[in-house]
Amino acid sequence: MSISWPTVALGSEVDLLSGGTPKKGEARYWGGDIPWVSSGEMKQRQIWDTSLHVTDEGADNGTKRVPENTVLAVVRGMSLAKEFRVAISKRSLTFNQDLKAFKPSEKLTSEFLFYYLLSQRHAIRDSATEASHGTKKLETRVLEDWPLPLPSLPEQRGIADVLSTYDNLIENNRRRIQLLEQAARLLYKEWFVHLRFPGHEHVKIKDGVPEGWAKIPLGEMLTLQRGFDLPTGKRKDGVFPIYASTGINGYHVEAKVKGPGVVTGRSGSLGTVM
């Protein structure tokens, strides 16, 4: 049995809202409790919080405030060269000028709209045009003219319910990972910055280390070994991972180093430890 839904222009069922940035020099606009979304935070599908926040006064001056379950999309910036970022808000928030918010009509649910735009992300990305300074932009008319299938509201809700089940599981796992990473950072700080190891919390600190410890050069405790150059043309696919400064970038049939060991970049992406 085939499904036949009417197709309309997106702009006939959606109002596109523009965001903005309150003046950074006005302290009373910033540091509140209202999230302010930029394109960098649009890598996740659900927006719960952001790195920057505005006050109620800031939300009324220079930006746009939208309610929970509002669909947001990046319409300007370098990210459009690679992807069309779309997300849905999980609380009332504001957003900047690189984004558009989608206010649906009574015939359209935000959740169905979100998943439909997600399904169209590659085609929409390819519709972006060149902007100034080598960035990309999506013209408002392109989004307004985009074809939108319009099932009945019960069908829209049923589709979104199935898809959101998986997204909610992914989001819950992502947030658990964030909590575990935060716990690991706090433990690292407790042990290696404050030097409060379990059972040694009250040991005196002498010369910057716990009493009884000694400071010695790192080179006396380990061997620093430079990596090996292995061009792509000389690689033979195997089971041994090839590490670059950003992580694994291929596999080879022969191991060059015996484990265990610690790998870190010496140029390019510094600070990553594997």
Protein backbone atom coordinates (compact mmCIF):
# COMPACT_ATOMS: atom_id res chain seq x y z
CA MET A 1 0.00 0.00 0.00
CA SER A 2 1.48 3.33 -1.04
CA ILE A 3 1.33 6.42 1.16
CA SER A 4 0.24 9.65 -0.46
CA TRP A 5 0.71 12.84 1.53
CA PRO A 6 0.16 16.35 0.23
CA THR A 7 3.32 18.34 -0.40
CA VAL A 8 3.48 22.05 0.36
CA ALA A 9 6.14 24.74 0.47
CA LEU A 10 7.85 24.87 3.86
CA GLY A 11 7.20 28.60 4.06
CA SER A 12 3.43 28.04 3.90
CA GLU A 13 3.48 26.17 7.23
CA VAL A 14 6.48 27.74 8.97
CA ASP A 15 7.56 31.23 10.00
CA LEU A 16 11.35 31.68 9.92
CA LEU A 17 12.60 33.72 12.87
CA SER A 18 15.97 35.49 13.00
CA GLY A 19 18.23 35.62 16.04
CA GLY A 20 20.91 38.02 17.12
CA THR A 21 23.61 38.93 19.62
CA PRO A 22 23.03 41.36 22.49
CA LYS A 23 25.81 43.92 22.90
CA LYS A 24 28.79 42.16 24.45
CA GLY A 25 29.80 45.35 26.27
CA GLU A 26 26.54 45.48 28.23
CA ALA A 27 27.15 43.42 31.36
CA ARG A 28 23.47 43.46 32.27
CA TYR A 29 22.68 41.45 29.12
CA TRP A 30 24.99 38.52 29.88
CA GLY A 31 25.50 35.92 32.60
CA GLY A 32 21.85 35.10 33.21
CA ASP A 33 20.02 31.77 33.09
CA ILE A 34 18.75 31.81 29.51
CA PRO A 35 20.82 29.75 27.02
CA TRP A 36 22.14 31.59 23.94
CA VAL A 37 22.79 29.22 21.05
CA SER A 38 25.54 29.67 18.45
CA SER A 39 26.39 27.43 15.50
CA GLY A 40 29.07 25.59 17.48
CA GLU A 41 26.45 24.15 19.83
CA MET A 42 24.34 22.93 16.92
CA LYS A 43 26.44 19.77 16.55
CA GLN A 44 24.01 18.02 18.89
CA ARG A 45 20.42 17.25 17.97
CA GLN A 46 18.92 18.33 21.29
CA ILE A 47 19.84 21.65 22.89
CA TRP A 48 19.58 21.52 26.67
CA ASP A 49 22.14 24.14 27.59
CA THR A 50 24.87 26.35 26.12
CA SER A 51 28.20 27.82 27.14
CA LEU A 52 26.89 31.40 27.11
CA HIS A 53 23.72 32.69 28.76
CA VAL A 54 21.79 35.94 28.67
CA THR A 55 19.58 37.69 31.17
CA ASP A 56 15.90 38.52 30.68
CA GLU A 57 16.97 42.00 29.66
CA GLY A 58 19.49 40.57 27.22
CA ALA A 59 16.83 38.30 25.71
CA ASP A 60 14.74 41.40 24.96
CA ASN A 61 17.60 43.35 23.40
CA GLY A 62 19.34 42.10 20.28
CA THR A 63 18.32 38.44 20.16
CA LYS A 64 15.20 36.28 19.90
CA ARG A 65 13.67 34.09 22.60
CA VAL A 66 11.83 30.92 21.54
CA PRO A 67 10.00 28.26 23.58
CA GLU A 68 10.88 24.64 24.27
CA ASN A 69 10.58 22.29 21.26
CA THR A 70 11.58 24.92 18.73
CA VAL A 71 13.50 23.72 15.67
CA LEU A 72 16.75 25.61 14.98
CA ALA A 73 19.04 25.45 11.95
CA VAL A 74 22.36 27.03 10.96
CA VAL A 75 21.90 29.21 7.88
CA ARG A 76 25.27 30.98 7.77
CA GLY A 77 28.88 30.04 8.45
CA MET A 78 31.73 27.73 7.54
CA SER A 79 29.93 24.63 8.82
CA LEU A 80 27.51 24.83 5.88
CA ALA A 81 30.34 23.81 3.59
CA LYS A 82 30.26 20.37 5.24
CA GLU A 83 26.85 19.96 6.88
CA PHE A 84 23.42 21.43 7.53
CA ARG A 85 23.05 21.56 11.30
CA VAL A 86 19.55 21.24 12.70
CA ALA A 87 18.50 20.78 16.34
CA ILE A 88 15.48 21.05 18.60
CA SER A 89 15.40 23.04 21.84
CA LYS A 90 14.63 21.28 25.09
CA ARG A 91 14.01 24.50 26.99
CA SER A 92 13.23 28.14 26.27
CA LEU A 93 16.32 29.82 24.85
CA THR A 94 17.77 32.50 22.56
CA PHE A 95 19.99 32.20 19.50
CA ASN A 96 22.38 34.23 17.37
CA GLN A 97 22.23 35.66 13.85
CA ASP A 98 23.77 32.59 12.18
CA LEU A 99 20.66 30.57 13.00
CA LYS A 100 16.99 30.52 12.07
CA ALA A 101 14.16 29.29 14.25
CA PHE A 102 11.15 27.53 12.70
CA LYS A 103 7.74 28.44 14.10
CA PRO A 104 5.27 25.85 12.74
CA SER A 105 1.59 26.32 12.01
CA GLU A 106 -1.14 24.33 13.75
CA LYS A 107 -0.91 21.74 10.95
CA LEU A 108 2.71 20.86 11.72
CA THR A 109 4.44 19.50 14.82
CA SER A 110 7.94 20.68 15.69
CA GLU A 111 9.16 17.12 16.21
CA PHE A 112 8.04 15.95 12.76
CA LEU A 113 9.56 19.08 11.18
CA PHE A 114 12.86 18.41 12.94
CA TYR A 115 13.13 14.84 11.65
CA TYR A 116 12.06 15.85 8.16
CA LEU A 117 14.73 18.56 7.97
CA LEU A 118 17.24 16.07 9.32
CA SER A 119 16.35 13.70 6.47
CA GLN A 120 16.94 16.54 3.99
CA ARG A 121 20.21 17.78 5.51
CA HIS A 122 22.47 16.75 2.62
CA ALA A 123 20.26 18.27 -0.08
CA ILE A 124 19.78 21.47 1.94
CA ARG A 125 23.53 21.73 2.55
CA ASP A 126 24.13 21.47 -1.18
CA SER A 127 21.74 24.39 -1.71
CA ALA A 128 23.96 26.78 0.27
CA THR A 129 25.65 29.56 -1.68
CA GLU A 130 28.91 31.47 -1.19
CA ALA A 131 28.87 34.35 1.28
CA SER A 132 31.55 36.87 2.21
CA HIS A 133 35.01 35.77 3.40
CA GLY A 134 34.59 32.26 2.02
CA THR A 135 31.67 31.31 4.27
CA LYS A 136 28.38 29.76 3.19
CA LYS A 137 24.78 30.89 3.55
CA LEU A 138 21.29 29.51 3.01
CA GLU A 139 18.93 31.98 1.40
CA THR A 140 15.63 32.35 3.23
CA ARG A 141 13.70 31.81 0.01
CA VAL A 142 15.41 28.41 -0.47
CA LEU A 143 14.07 27.23 2.88
CA GLU A 144 10.66 28.80 2.32
CA ASP A 145 10.32 27.05 -1.05
CA TRP A 146 11.58 23.68 0.21
CA PRO A 147 9.00 20.91 -0.40
CA LEU A 148 7.40 19.62 2.78
CA PRO A 149 5.25 16.45 2.96
CA LEU A 150 2.33 17.05 5.28
CA PRO A 151 0.84 13.94 6.91
CA SER A 152 -2.04 14.24 9.36
CA LEU A 153 -1.12 15.33 12.89
CA PRO A 154 -1.60 11.79 14.33
CA GLU A 155 0.75 10.43 11.64
CA GLN A 156 3.30 13.15 12.35
CA ARG A 157 3.25 12.35 16.06
CA GLY A 158 3.57 8.61 15.41
CA ILE A 159 6.60 9.10 13.15
CA ALA A 160 8.30 11.46 15.61
CA ASP A 161 7.61 9.15 18.57
CA VAL A 162 9.42 6.24 16.93
CA LEU A 163 12.43 8.31 15.87
CA SER A 164 12.70 10.25 19.13
CA THR A 165 12.95 7.01 21.12
CA TYR A 166 16.35 6.36 19.57
CA ASP A 167 17.45 9.98 19.86
CA ASN A 168 16.52 10.07 23.54
CA LEU A 169 18.61 6.96 24.21
CA ILE A 170 21.57 8.53 22.39
CA GLU A 171 21.14 11.81 24.30
CA ASN A 172 20.90 10.03 27.67
CA ASN A 173 24.12 8.15 26.94
CA ARG A 174 25.83 11.35 25.82
CA ARG A 175 24.89 13.10 29.05
CA ARG A 176 26.07 10.12 31.13
CA ILE A 177 29.41 10.28 29.34
CA GLN A 178 29.65 13.99 30.13
CA LEU A 179 29.03 13.28 33.82
CA LEU A 180 31.67 10.53 33.83
CA GLU A 181 34.17 12.83 32.11
CA GLN A 182 33.46 15.55 34.66
CA ALA A 183 33.97 13.05 37.51
CA ALA A 184 37.27 11.95 35.96
CA ARG A 185 38.45 15.58 35.71
CA LEU A 186 37.59 16.22 39.35
CA LEU A 187 39.40 13.05 40.41
CA TYR A 188 42.46 14.01 38.36
CA LYS A 189 42.47 17.45 39.99
CA GLU A 190 42.10 15.95 43.46
CA TRP A 191 44.96 13.48 42.97
CA PHE A 192 47.42 15.28 40.71
CA VAL A 193 46.84 18.98 41.46
CA HIS A 194 45.90 18.95 45.15
CA LEU A 195 47.94 15.75 45.70
CA ARG A 196 45.26 14.23 47.92
CA PHE A 197 45.55 10.52 47.16
CA PRO A 198 43.29 8.03 48.97
CA GLY A 199 44.78 7.33 52.40
CA HIS A 200 47.27 10.22 52.06
CA GLU A 201 44.94 13.20 52.31
CA HIS A 202 46.68 14.57 55.41
CA VAL A 203 50.30 14.00 54.40
CA LYS A 204 52.39 17.19 54.62
CA ILE A 205 53.47 18.86 51.38
CA LYS A 206 57.19 19.62 51.22
CA ASP A 207 58.81 21.36 48.25
CA GLY A 208 55.62 21.03 46.24
CA VAL A 209 55.16 17.24 46.69
CA PRO A 210 53.88 15.00 49.50
CA GLU A 211 56.41 14.28 52.23
CA GLY A 212 58.52 11.27 51.29
CA TRP A 213 58.26 11.89 47.55
CA ALA A 214 61.07 13.09 45.32
CA LYS A 215 61.27 15.19 42.18
CA ILE A 216 63.23 13.62 39.31
CA PRO A 217 63.51 14.37 35.60
CA LEU A 218 60.81 12.68 33.50
CA GLY A 219 63.47 11.19 31.23
CA GLU A 220 64.75 9.03 34.11
CA MET A 221 61.41 7.25 34.35
CA LEU A 222 60.49 6.66 30.73
CA THR A 223 61.72 6.58 27.16
CA LEU A 224 60.48 9.18 24.70
CA GLN A 225 60.25 7.61 21.26
CA ARG A 226 59.48 9.52 18.09
CA GLY A 227 56.83 8.09 15.79
CA PHE A 228 57.48 6.49 12.40
CA ASP A 229 56.63 7.96 9.02
CA LEU A 230 54.30 5.61 7.18
CA PRO A 231 52.92 7.18 3.98
CA THR A 232 49.55 5.95 2.76
CA GLY A 233 51.15 4.34 -0.29
CA LYS A 234 53.31 2.08 1.89
CA ARG A 235 50.55 0.91 4.21
CA LYS A 236 49.14 -2.60 4.04
CA ASP A 237 45.75 -3.03 5.66
CA GLY A 238 45.99 -5.05 8.86
CA VAL A 239 44.99 -5.13 12.53
CA PHE A 240 47.55 -2.73 14.03
CA PRO A 241 46.23 0.85 14.45
CA ILE A 242 48.24 3.79 13.14
CA TYR A 243 48.08 6.74 15.53
CA ALA A 244 48.38 10.36 14.46
CA SER A 245 48.20 13.37 16.78
CA THR A 246 44.39 13.35 16.57
CA GLY A 247 43.90 9.59 17.01
CA ILE A 248 43.73 6.52 14.79
CA ASN A 249 44.00 7.35 11.07
CA GLY A 250 44.54 3.89 9.60
CA TYR A 251 45.74 0.30 10.12
CA HIS A 252 48.84 -1.67 9.10
CA VAL A 253 50.01 -5.31 9.00
CA GLU A 254 53.06 -4.69 11.20
CA ALA A 255 53.44 -3.13 14.64
CA LYS A 256 56.27 -0.62 15.06
CA VAL A 257 56.10 -0.20 18.85
CA LYS A 258 55.53 -2.65 21.70
CA GLY A 259 52.92 -1.77 24.32
CA PRO A 260 51.86 -0.75 26.82
CA GLY A 261 52.61 2.92 26.33
CA VAL A 262 51.24 6.44 26.16
CA VAL A 263 50.84 8.31 22.87
CA THR A 264 50.63 12.09 22.56
CA GLY A 265 51.10 14.55 19.71
CA ARG A 266 54.32 16.54 19.38
CA SER A 267 53.04 18.92 16.69
CA GLY A 268 49.68 19.93 15.25
CA SER A 269 46.98 18.84 17.72
CA LEU A 270 48.74 19.10 21.07
CA GLY A 271 47.39 18.01 24.42
CA THR A 272 45.60 14.81 23.35
CA VAL A 273 46.79 11.77 25.29
CA MET A 274 45.96 8.20 24.18
